[in-house]
Amino acid sequence: MLREGGVLRQSLWLFVFWVGCVSKPLEEGTVGADPIVTDPIDTDGGSGVGGGETGGTDVGGGTDDTGSESGGGETEGDEGGEDIDCDEIVEQDPVDECVMRPLMCDRERPLLSTTKRSPSNWDTSEYIAWTCLVTDDPYDGPETVFHFEHPGTGNIEIQLHAPCEELDLFAVRWPDWSDDGDCPAEENAGSLLCEGSHDSGDDTLTLFENVPVDYLIVVDGPEGERTNFTIVAECP
């Protein structure tokens, strides 16, 4: 049995030993507690920038909770920089009996137009007589015609974007337009030139002139299609 003084000394020794162990510094290379990891480029209060997960949209081509792609996905039908609403009502007033509206060079955006409610003055008989193309398609529906003045600066491109239904593109060189504004007829075949594009999908025509001259740009459906489209003239 220990005396009272011995018990006191033993308790004092245990206290000193415990204090020494607790206050002893950690040796280099040891971890004394779970560290708090801080991302050096995360400056917005923990958004996960710089490698962390955001818990929502995976930027750069992933999918969010709705399953939609983000960051690099293409918008459906977006050829030429702009969607087309196939059911949109496009208002346009005719310039005269055949021309619906003018087409200008280098518009900021493609011109939205339609063959719905346009007149039907020409069909395959005119296009063949004018040597635009040789085809069995009737072109018996409405056509939309634009007056275009070629600036005479070399090659220009007329680009038709028709994602809704099949449409074709024609360019009728018609200098008489500036004189009296009359529209050509089948019997005018000897005094005009015509080019046509009958591609499946979008159509492009390249027209060369070194002096200004008038063209009638025609958009027509081979089976009488009535639909919306965009058109643009790119001039050098």
Protein backbone atom coordinates (compact mmCIF):
# COMPACT_ATOMS: atom_id res chain seq x y z
CA MET A 1 0.00 0.00 0.00
CA LEU A 2 1.30 3.46 -0.96
CA ARG A 3 1.55 6.21 1.55
CA GLU A 4 -0.35 9.42 1.05
CA GLY A 5 2.78 11.28 -0.11
CA GLY A 6 3.61 8.56 -2.57
CA VAL A 7 0.14 8.71 -4.06
CA LEU A 8 0.50 12.47 -4.48
CA ARG A 9 3.89 12.13 -6.17
CA GLN A 10 2.56 9.41 -8.49
CA SER A 11 -0.44 11.57 -9.50
CA LEU A 12 1.85 14.55 -10.11
CA TRP A 13 4.15 12.44 -12.27
CA LEU A 14 1.22 11.14 -14.37
CA PHE A 15 -0.03 14.74 -14.88
CA VAL A 16 3.39 15.91 -16.07
CA PHE A 17 3.69 12.93 -18.40
CA TRP A 18 0.22 13.59 -19.91
CA VAL A 19 0.95 17.31 -20.44
CA GLY A 20 4.25 16.50 -22.13
CA CYS A 21 2.62 14.07 -24.56
CA VAL A 22 -0.20 16.43 -25.51
CA SER A 23 2.03 19.45 -26.03
CA LYS A 24 4.70 17.56 -27.99
CA PRO A 25 4.82 18.90 -31.62
CA LEU A 26 3.91 16.55 -34.43
CA GLU A 27 6.78 15.04 -36.31
CA GLU A 28 7.24 16.19 -39.89
CA GLY A 29 5.16 14.25 -42.37
CA THR A 30 2.35 13.25 -40.02
CA VAL A 31 -1.29 14.29 -40.16
CA GLY A 32 -2.97 15.20 -36.95
CA ALA A 33 -6.52 15.83 -38.34
CA ASP A 34 -8.52 15.62 -41.54
CA PRO A 35 -7.33 18.56 -43.69
CA ILE A 36 -9.71 21.13 -45.27
CA VAL A 37 -8.92 21.09 -48.98
CA THR A 38 -9.23 24.52 -50.60
CA ASP A 39 -9.05 24.91 -54.37
CA PRO A 40 -6.83 27.92 -55.10
CA ILE A 41 -8.98 29.06 -58.09
CA ASP A 42 -12.30 28.56 -56.36
CA THR A 43 -13.05 32.18 -55.51
CA ASP A 44 -16.83 32.22 -55.69
CA GLY A 45 -17.69 30.53 -52.43
CA GLY A 46 -17.46 26.88 -53.41
CA SER A 47 -18.86 26.57 -56.92
CA GLY A 48 -16.49 23.75 -57.72
CA VAL A 49 -14.58 25.65 -60.40
CA GLY A 50 -11.26 24.04 -61.21
CA GLY A 51 -12.10 20.36 -60.96
CA GLY A 52 -15.07 20.07 -58.58
CA GLU A 53 -18.53 18.91 -59.60
CA THR A 54 -21.26 21.50 -60.01
CA GLY A 55 -24.05 19.01 -59.45
CA GLY A 56 -25.97 20.27 -62.53
CA THR A 57 -24.89 20.91 -66.08
CA ASP A 58 -21.66 19.32 -67.24
CA VAL A 59 -20.20 22.20 -69.28
CA GLY A 60 -18.40 21.20 -72.44
CA GLY A 61 -20.68 18.69 -74.10
CA GLY A 62 -22.25 16.77 -71.20
CA THR A 63 -25.91 16.46 -70.31
CA ASP A 64 -27.89 17.99 -67.50
CA ASP A 65 -30.70 16.37 -65.55
CA THR A 66 -33.11 16.95 -68.41
CA GLY A 67 -30.93 15.00 -70.82
CA SER A 68 -30.27 17.98 -73.08
CA GLU A 69 -26.78 18.61 -74.40
CA SER A 70 -24.98 21.80 -73.55
CA GLY A 71 -21.71 23.40 -74.51
CA GLY A 72 -21.06 22.59 -78.17
CA GLY A 73 -24.26 20.91 -79.30
CA GLU A 74 -25.78 21.94 -82.61
CA THR A 75 -29.23 23.40 -82.83
CA GLU A 76 -31.42 21.14 -84.95
CA GLY A 77 -31.95 22.52 -88.44
CA ASP A 78 -29.57 25.35 -87.87
CA GLU A 79 -27.84 25.62 -91.26
CA GLY A 80 -26.87 29.19 -92.24
CA GLY A 81 -27.15 30.42 -88.63
CA GLU A 82 -30.93 30.52 -88.09
CA ASP A 83 -33.87 28.18 -87.37
CA ILE A 84 -36.98 28.33 -89.52
CA ASP A 85 -40.48 27.92 -88.11
CA CYS A 86 -42.20 25.97 -90.87
CA ASP A 87 -45.64 27.00 -89.62
CA GLU A 88 -44.91 30.70 -89.13
CA ILE A 89 -47.12 33.09 -91.09
CA VAL A 90 -44.86 35.31 -93.21
CA GLU A 91 -46.50 38.50 -94.41
CA GLN A 92 -45.29 39.89 -97.74
CA ASP A 93 -46.94 42.22 -100.23
CA PRO A 94 -46.23 41.72 -103.96
CA VAL A 95 -44.31 44.39 -105.83
CA ASP A 96 -46.16 43.60 -109.06
CA GLU A 97 -47.78 40.66 -110.82
CA CYS A 98 -44.79 38.32 -110.41
CA VAL A 99 -42.24 39.89 -108.03
CA MET A 100 -42.97 39.62 -104.33
CA ARG A 101 -40.09 41.63 -102.86
CA PRO A 102 -36.52 42.86 -103.50
CA LEU A 103 -33.42 40.89 -102.53
CA MET A 104 -30.44 42.96 -101.43
CA CYS A 105 -26.74 42.10 -101.19
CA ASP A 106 -25.18 41.07 -97.88
CA ARG A 107 -28.11 41.40 -95.54
CA GLU A 108 -27.24 41.15 -91.87
CA ARG A 109 -29.44 38.06 -91.64
CA PRO A 110 -30.97 35.78 -94.30
CA LEU A 111 -34.32 36.97 -95.60
CA LEU A 112 -37.25 34.89 -94.34
CA SER A 113 -39.89 34.29 -97.00
CA THR A 114 -42.48 31.73 -98.13
CA THR A 115 -44.19 30.26 -101.16
CA LYS A 116 -47.51 30.26 -99.28
CA ARG A 117 -50.03 32.61 -100.93
CA SER A 118 -47.58 33.60 -103.67
CA PRO A 119 -48.86 33.80 -107.27
CA SER A 120 -48.38 31.00 -109.77
CA ASN A 121 -47.31 32.49 -113.09
CA TRP A 122 -44.75 29.95 -114.28
CA ASP A 123 -44.34 26.19 -114.38
CA THR A 124 -42.07 23.63 -115.99
CA SER A 125 -42.90 24.85 -119.51
CA GLU A 126 -41.26 28.23 -118.81
CA TYR A 127 -38.24 26.71 -117.08
CA ILE A 128 -37.61 24.38 -120.00
CA ALA A 129 -38.18 27.10 -122.64
CA TRP A 130 -35.78 29.39 -120.79
CA THR A 131 -33.26 26.49 -120.57
CA CYS A 132 -33.10 26.80 -116.79
CA LEU A 133 -33.09 23.00 -116.53
CA VAL A 134 -34.62 19.88 -118.03
CA THR A 135 -37.04 18.18 -115.66
CA ASP A 136 -40.24 16.19 -115.45
CA ASP A 137 -41.40 18.00 -112.30
CA PRO A 138 -44.53 20.10 -112.92
CA TYR A 139 -43.75 23.19 -110.75
CA ASP A 140 -47.50 23.80 -110.84
CA GLY A 141 -47.76 25.58 -107.48
CA PRO A 142 -46.95 29.12 -106.35
CA GLU A 143 -43.47 30.54 -106.84
CA THR A 144 -41.89 33.40 -104.91
CA VAL A 145 -39.88 35.82 -107.07
CA PHE A 146 -37.35 38.43 -105.91
CA HIS A 147 -35.94 41.32 -107.89
CA PHE A 148 -32.15 41.32 -107.52
CA GLU A 149 -29.74 43.82 -109.06
CA HIS A 150 -26.38 42.17 -109.61
CA PRO A 151 -23.80 44.84 -108.69
CA GLY A 152 -21.45 43.76 -111.49
CA THR A 153 -18.61 42.96 -109.10
CA GLY A 154 -17.85 39.45 -110.31
CA ASN A 155 -19.20 36.27 -108.74
CA ILE A 156 -22.07 36.51 -106.28
CA GLU A 157 -23.83 33.61 -104.57
CA ILE A 158 -27.57 33.19 -104.10
CA GLN A 159 -28.17 30.72 -101.27
CA LEU A 160 -31.53 29.07 -100.57
CA HIS A 161 -32.15 27.33 -97.24
CA ALA A 162 -35.33 25.22 -97.34
CA PRO A 163 -35.43 22.71 -94.46
CA CYS A 164 -39.22 22.29 -94.36
CA GLU A 165 -40.01 20.95 -97.85
CA GLU A 166 -38.30 20.61 -101.21
CA LEU A 167 -37.81 23.89 -103.07
CA ASP A 168 -35.66 24.75 -106.08
CA LEU A 169 -33.81 27.92 -107.06
CA PHE A 170 -33.74 29.75 -110.41
CA ALA A 171 -31.97 32.92 -111.54
CA VAL A 172 -33.50 34.59 -114.60
CA ARG A 173 -31.31 37.31 -116.16
CA TRP A 174 -33.90 39.90 -117.20
CA PRO A 175 -32.52 43.34 -118.20
CA ASP A 176 -35.99 44.43 -119.38
CA TRP A 177 -37.08 44.70 -115.75
CA SER A 178 -35.39 48.08 -115.31
CA ASP A 179 -37.07 49.41 -118.46
CA ASP A 180 -40.73 48.59 -117.91
CA GLY A 181 -41.00 46.19 -114.99
CA ASP A 182 -42.71 43.53 -117.09
CA CYS A 183 -42.44 39.92 -116.06
CA PRO A 184 -41.03 37.45 -118.60
CA ALA A 185 -43.21 34.89 -120.33
CA GLU A 186 -42.48 31.67 -122.18
CA GLU A 187 -42.14 33.52 -125.50
CA ASN A 188 -39.32 35.66 -124.09
CA ALA A 189 -36.91 32.74 -124.19
CA GLY A 190 -34.71 34.40 -126.82
CA SER A 191 -34.05 37.52 -124.73
CA LEU A 192 -33.13 36.09 -121.35
CA LEU A 193 -30.71 33.71 -119.67
CA CYS A 194 -31.58 31.34 -116.85
CA GLU A 195 -29.80 29.04 -114.43
CA GLY A 196 -31.45 26.54 -112.13
CA SER A 197 -30.49 24.42 -109.14
CA HIS A 198 -32.50 21.24 -108.61
CA ASP A 199 -30.53 19.78 -105.70
CA SER A 200 -32.11 17.76 -102.93
CA GLY A 201 -31.91 20.05 -99.90
CA ASP A 202 -30.45 23.54 -99.98
CA ASP A 203 -29.56 25.19 -103.29
CA THR A 204 -26.85 27.66 -104.34
CA LEU A 205 -26.35 29.54 -107.61
CA THR A 206 -23.22 31.49 -108.56
CA LEU A 207 -23.82 34.41 -110.94
CA PHE A 208 -21.03 36.33 -112.69
CA GLU A 209 -21.45 39.85 -114.06
CA ASN A 210 -18.96 42.68 -114.63
CA VAL A 211 -21.65 45.33 -115.10
CA PRO A 212 -24.85 45.86 -113.08
CA VAL A 213 -27.80 43.88 -114.43
CA ASP A 214 -31.25 42.86 -113.18
CA TYR A 215 -32.17 39.30 -112.22
CA LEU A 216 -35.39 37.70 -111.10
CA ILE A 217 -34.58 35.11 -108.42
CA VAL A 218 -37.26 32.41 -108.33
CA VAL A 219 -38.01 29.93 -105.54
CA ASP A 220 -40.43 27.23 -106.66
CA GLY A 221 -41.56 23.82 -105.44
CA PRO A 222 -41.21 20.95 -107.94
CA GLU A 223 -44.45 19.43 -106.67
CA GLY A 224 -46.20 22.70 -105.81
CA GLU A 225 -44.83 22.88 -102.25
CA ARG A 226 -46.06 25.74 -100.07
CA THR A 227 -43.55 26.36 -97.32
CA ASN A 228 -41.18 28.81 -95.61
CA PHE A 229 -37.51 29.34 -96.46
CA THR A 230 -34.65 31.79 -96.17
CA ILE A 231 -32.59 33.29 -98.96
CA VAL A 232 -29.46 35.43 -99.02
CA ALA A 233 -27.24 37.09 -101.65
CA GLU A 234 -23.53 37.16 -100.83
CA CYS A 235 -21.73 39.78 -102.90
CA PRO A 236 -17.97 40.51 -103.04
